[in-house]
Amino acid sequence: MHIIIIGSGRTGKHVIEAAVKDNHDVFVIEKDKTTAEWAATHFDCVVIHADATSIEALKEVKAEKADAIVVTTNDDAVNSLVILLAKQLGVKRLVSSVNNEEHLPVFEQMGTDTVESPFRLNGKYLYRTVQGPNVKEFLDLGDGFEILELKVEINSKISNRLIKELNEEKILPKDSLIVIIKRDNDIIIPDGDVRIKEGDVVVVLSKSNKVTEVSNLFGKKI
């Protein structure tokens, strides 16, 4: 993926670290010169010292070809402007931190795919959102495995399918396992004859490098 990250401070550096580790094409825009220099020497990615609210800066990191942008500054005015410019340039997935929860509706109205409030403001969560927008929660177990909580969307590839069908047809990636299904107020420990329904929240054990593939099964069919 071609990922643009705005800001390489306390939150941004964790997004950069995770994206670089997964071998994505990472481009960083950092306004502070010292912080930009630090990021350039610590991460294998392209870092430019510039103001991300400049459309020229976004074009320099090839925003028109980007799969996603993650905006991590502590200024909601800056974040919102960058999101608007990125949307104008055709960036496919827009992810932004929001420092004041009262501003959440503004970001939603702009068509931001995912908005994170300060209560969940950490770099790794923002990065997980880039990989799978319907990942509601996750837990890193170490050794390359994670627990993911995903919501089954309408007309997704996995909806209305028996678990045994998903296994027999190898729809679920190798080393992925459905552990729990949350349906309304019920917790279901699934076996092969349980059918996944739209609106279910499913807990999946998955390899870290399969998060995007797993998430795509739960999202809307394109």
Protein backbone atom coordinates (compact mmCIF):
# COMPACT_ATOMS: atom_id res chain seq x y z
CA MET A 1 0.00 0.00 0.00
CA HIS A 2 0.99 3.60 -0.63
CA ILE A 3 0.42 5.25 2.77
CA ILE A 4 0.88 8.92 3.66
CA ILE A 5 1.33 9.77 7.32
CA ILE A 6 0.95 13.34 8.52
CA GLY A 7 3.01 14.00 11.63
CA SER A 8 5.81 11.92 13.10
CA GLY A 9 5.41 12.85 16.74
CA ARG A 10 4.15 10.77 19.65
CA THR A 11 1.28 9.17 17.71
CA GLY A 12 2.61 9.39 14.18
CA LYS A 13 5.85 7.58 14.89
CA HIS A 14 3.96 4.45 15.94
CA VAL A 15 1.94 4.52 12.72
CA ILE A 16 5.16 4.91 10.72
CA GLU A 17 6.85 2.08 12.59
CA ALA A 18 3.97 -0.34 11.97
CA ALA A 19 3.56 0.60 8.29
CA VAL A 20 7.28 0.34 7.54
CA LYS A 21 7.46 -3.01 9.33
CA ASP A 22 4.77 -4.33 6.98
CA ASN A 23 6.78 -3.15 3.95
CA HIS A 24 4.32 -0.55 2.73
CA ASP A 25 5.43 2.44 0.67
CA VAL A 26 5.41 5.07 3.41
CA PHE A 27 5.59 8.82 2.88
CA VAL A 28 5.69 11.20 5.84
CA ILE A 29 5.03 14.93 6.01
CA GLU A 30 6.32 16.62 9.17
CA LYS A 31 6.19 20.37 9.79
CA ASP A 32 8.81 20.46 12.56
CA LYS A 33 12.30 20.25 11.10
CA THR A 34 13.92 18.50 14.06
CA THR A 35 11.17 15.89 14.26
CA ALA A 36 11.34 15.34 10.50
CA GLU A 37 15.08 14.76 10.67
CA TRP A 38 14.63 12.30 13.53
CA ALA A 39 12.01 10.32 11.58
CA ALA A 40 14.18 10.28 8.45
CA THR A 41 17.10 8.76 10.37
CA HIS A 42 15.02 6.19 12.27
CA PHE A 43 12.63 4.83 9.63
CA ASP A 44 13.07 3.43 6.13
CA CYS A 45 10.59 5.78 4.46
CA VAL A 46 10.38 9.08 2.62
CA VAL A 47 10.13 12.03 4.98
CA ILE A 48 9.64 15.59 3.80
CA HIS A 49 9.82 18.69 5.96
CA ALA A 50 6.74 20.63 4.89
CA ASP A 51 3.31 21.92 5.88
CA ALA A 52 0.75 19.22 5.06
CA THR A 53 -1.97 21.83 4.56
CA SER A 54 -0.15 22.75 1.36
CA ILE A 55 -1.50 20.90 -1.64
CA GLU A 56 1.99 21.05 -3.16
CA ALA A 57 3.33 19.04 -0.21
CA LEU A 58 0.64 16.40 -0.69
CA LYS A 59 1.40 16.20 -4.40
CA GLU A 60 5.10 15.78 -3.56
CA VAL A 61 4.26 12.56 -1.71
CA LYS A 62 2.06 11.46 -4.66
CA ALA A 63 -1.26 11.78 -2.81
CA GLU A 64 -3.19 11.25 -6.02
CA LYS A 65 -1.87 7.66 -6.05
CA ALA A 66 -2.16 6.98 -2.32
CA ASP A 67 -4.22 4.14 -0.90
CA ALA A 68 -4.56 5.83 2.48
CA ILE A 69 -3.65 8.88 4.52
CA VAL A 70 -3.33 8.93 8.31
CA VAL A 71 -3.41 12.37 9.94
CA THR A 72 -2.01 12.46 13.49
CA THR A 73 -1.43 16.10 14.48
CA ASN A 74 -2.81 17.57 17.70
CA ASP A 75 -4.60 20.38 15.83
CA ASP A 76 -8.08 19.48 14.57
CA ALA A 77 -8.15 22.45 12.20
CA VAL A 78 -5.01 21.16 10.51
CA ASN A 79 -6.34 17.60 10.45
CA SER A 80 -9.63 18.61 8.87
CA LEU A 81 -7.96 20.71 6.17
CA VAL A 82 -5.54 17.91 5.28
CA ILE A 83 -8.46 15.46 5.04
CA LEU A 84 -10.31 17.82 2.69
CA LEU A 85 -7.24 18.26 0.47
CA ALA A 86 -6.54 14.52 0.45
CA LYS A 87 -10.15 13.82 -0.50
CA GLN A 88 -9.87 16.37 -3.31
CA LEU A 89 -6.77 14.57 -4.61
CA GLY A 90 -8.57 11.22 -4.58
CA VAL A 91 -6.92 9.44 -1.62
CA LYS A 92 -8.88 6.21 -1.17
CA ARG A 93 -8.98 5.86 2.62
CA LEU A 94 -9.02 8.78 5.03
CA VAL A 95 -8.05 8.26 8.67
CA SER A 96 -7.68 11.05 11.19
CA SER A 97 -7.20 11.51 14.90
CA VAL A 98 -9.60 13.98 16.51
CA ASN A 99 -8.39 15.74 19.62
CA ASN A 100 -11.66 17.38 20.64
CA GLU A 101 -14.55 14.93 20.67
CA GLU A 102 -16.96 17.76 19.89
CA HIS A 103 -15.37 17.91 16.43
CA LEU A 104 -16.21 14.28 15.59
CA PRO A 105 -19.40 15.15 13.63
CA VAL A 106 -17.43 17.61 11.49
CA PHE A 107 -15.00 14.91 10.41
CA GLU A 108 -17.84 12.49 9.76
CA GLN A 109 -19.63 15.03 7.57
CA MET A 110 -16.46 15.44 5.52
CA GLY A 111 -16.71 11.78 4.59
CA THR A 112 -13.79 10.60 6.67
CA ASP A 113 -13.81 6.81 6.52
CA THR A 114 -12.73 6.44 10.14
CA VAL A 115 -12.46 8.90 12.97
CA GLU A 116 -10.62 8.24 16.22
CA SER A 117 -11.32 10.13 19.42
CA PRO A 118 -8.69 10.85 22.09
CA PHE A 119 -9.92 7.87 24.08
CA ARG A 120 -8.55 5.54 21.42
CA LEU A 121 -5.78 7.76 20.16
CA ASN A 122 -2.75 5.58 19.61
CA GLY A 123 -0.67 5.01 16.55
CA LYS A 124 -1.16 1.29 16.24
CA TYR A 125 -4.94 1.57 16.36
CA LEU A 126 -4.89 4.19 13.62
CA TYR A 127 -2.70 1.90 11.53
CA ARG A 128 -5.04 -1.05 12.08
CA THR A 129 -7.83 1.17 10.76
CA VAL A 130 -5.91 1.65 7.51
CA GLN A 131 -5.60 -2.11 7.13
CA GLY A 132 -9.21 -2.85 8.03
CA PRO A 133 -11.78 -0.10 8.59
CA ASN A 134 -14.23 -2.52 10.22
CA VAL A 135 -11.75 -3.72 12.86
CA LYS A 136 -13.46 -2.50 16.02
CA GLU A 137 -10.91 -3.73 18.54
CA PHE A 138 -7.66 -5.67 18.44
CA LEU A 139 -5.19 -7.26 20.81
CA ASP A 140 -1.60 -7.95 19.81
CA LEU A 141 -0.70 -11.37 21.20
CA GLY A 142 2.91 -11.24 20.04
CA ASP A 143 4.63 -13.84 17.87
CA GLY A 144 2.80 -12.48 14.83
CA PHE A 145 -0.78 -13.13 16.00
CA GLU A 146 -3.65 -10.82 16.93
CA ILE A 147 -7.19 -11.05 18.21
CA LEU A 148 -9.54 -8.94 16.05
CA GLU A 149 -13.11 -7.86 16.67
CA LEU A 150 -14.96 -7.22 13.40
CA LYS A 151 -18.53 -6.35 12.49
CA VAL A 152 -20.21 -8.26 9.66
CA GLU A 153 -21.49 -5.69 7.18
CA ILE A 154 -24.45 -6.02 4.82
CA ASN A 155 -23.71 -8.16 1.76
CA SER A 156 -20.20 -9.02 2.94
CA LYS A 157 -18.43 -12.12 1.65
CA ILE A 158 -18.78 -13.82 5.02
CA SER A 159 -22.43 -12.99 5.84
CA ASN A 160 -25.04 -15.76 5.79
CA ARG A 161 -22.34 -18.44 5.53
CA LEU A 162 -21.82 -21.47 7.76
CA ILE A 163 -18.45 -21.56 9.48
CA LYS A 164 -17.76 -25.02 8.08
CA GLU A 165 -18.34 -23.64 4.57
CA LEU A 166 -15.76 -20.91 5.19
CA ASN A 167 -13.26 -23.56 6.23
CA GLU A 168 -14.08 -26.07 3.49
CA GLU A 169 -13.93 -23.44 0.74
CA LYS A 170 -10.81 -21.87 2.29
CA ILE A 171 -12.46 -18.46 2.44
CA LEU A 172 -10.82 -17.71 5.76
CA PRO A 173 -7.04 -17.25 5.43
CA LYS A 174 -4.80 -19.98 6.75
CA ASP A 175 -4.02 -19.59 10.47
CA SER A 176 -7.26 -17.64 11.05
CA LEU A 177 -9.90 -18.91 13.46
CA ILE A 178 -13.35 -17.60 14.47
CA VAL A 179 -13.38 -17.71 18.26
CA ILE A 180 -16.56 -15.94 19.40
CA ILE A 181 -19.68 -14.44 17.81
CA LYS A 182 -21.52 -11.61 19.56
CA ARG A 183 -25.14 -11.46 18.39
CA ASP A 184 -27.45 -8.93 20.03
CA ASN A 185 -27.04 -9.71 23.73
CA ASP A 186 -25.81 -13.27 23.20
CA ILE A 187 -22.29 -14.70 23.14
CA ILE A 188 -21.96 -17.72 20.82
CA ILE A 189 -19.07 -20.16 21.00
CA PRO A 190 -19.27 -21.28 17.37
CA ASP A 191 -19.01 -24.69 15.79
CA GLY A 192 -19.09 -25.55 12.11
CA ASP A 193 -22.89 -25.43 11.87
CA VAL A 194 -23.23 -21.85 13.13
CA ARG A 195 -24.26 -19.38 10.43
CA ILE A 196 -22.74 -15.88 10.49
CA LYS A 197 -25.32 -13.13 10.16
CA GLU A 198 -25.19 -9.49 9.12
CA GLY A 199 -24.64 -7.29 12.16
CA ASP A 200 -22.77 -9.99 14.11
CA VAL A 201 -19.57 -8.93 15.84
CA VAL A 202 -17.02 -11.68 15.33
CA VAL A 203 -13.82 -12.24 17.29
CA VAL A 204 -11.10 -13.73 15.09
CA LEU A 205 -7.64 -15.04 15.87
CA SER A 206 -5.44 -14.11 12.94
CA LYS A 207 -1.87 -13.69 11.83
CA SER A 208 -0.88 -10.03 11.89
CA ASN A 209 -0.02 -10.02 8.18
CA LYS A 210 -3.51 -11.30 7.32
CA VAL A 211 -5.48 -8.47 8.97
CA THR A 212 -6.39 -6.77 5.70
CA GLU A 213 -7.43 -10.04 4.06
CA VAL A 214 -9.59 -11.01 7.03
CA SER A 215 -11.14 -7.54 7.30
CA ASN A 216 -12.10 -7.55 3.62
CA LEU A 217 -14.26 -10.62 4.21
CA PHE A 218 -16.39 -8.69 6.69
CA GLY A 219 -16.80 -5.51 4.64
CA LYS A 220 -19.27 -4.71 1.89
CA LYS A 221 -18.74 -6.44 -1.44
CA ILE A 222 -17.30 -4.10 -4.07
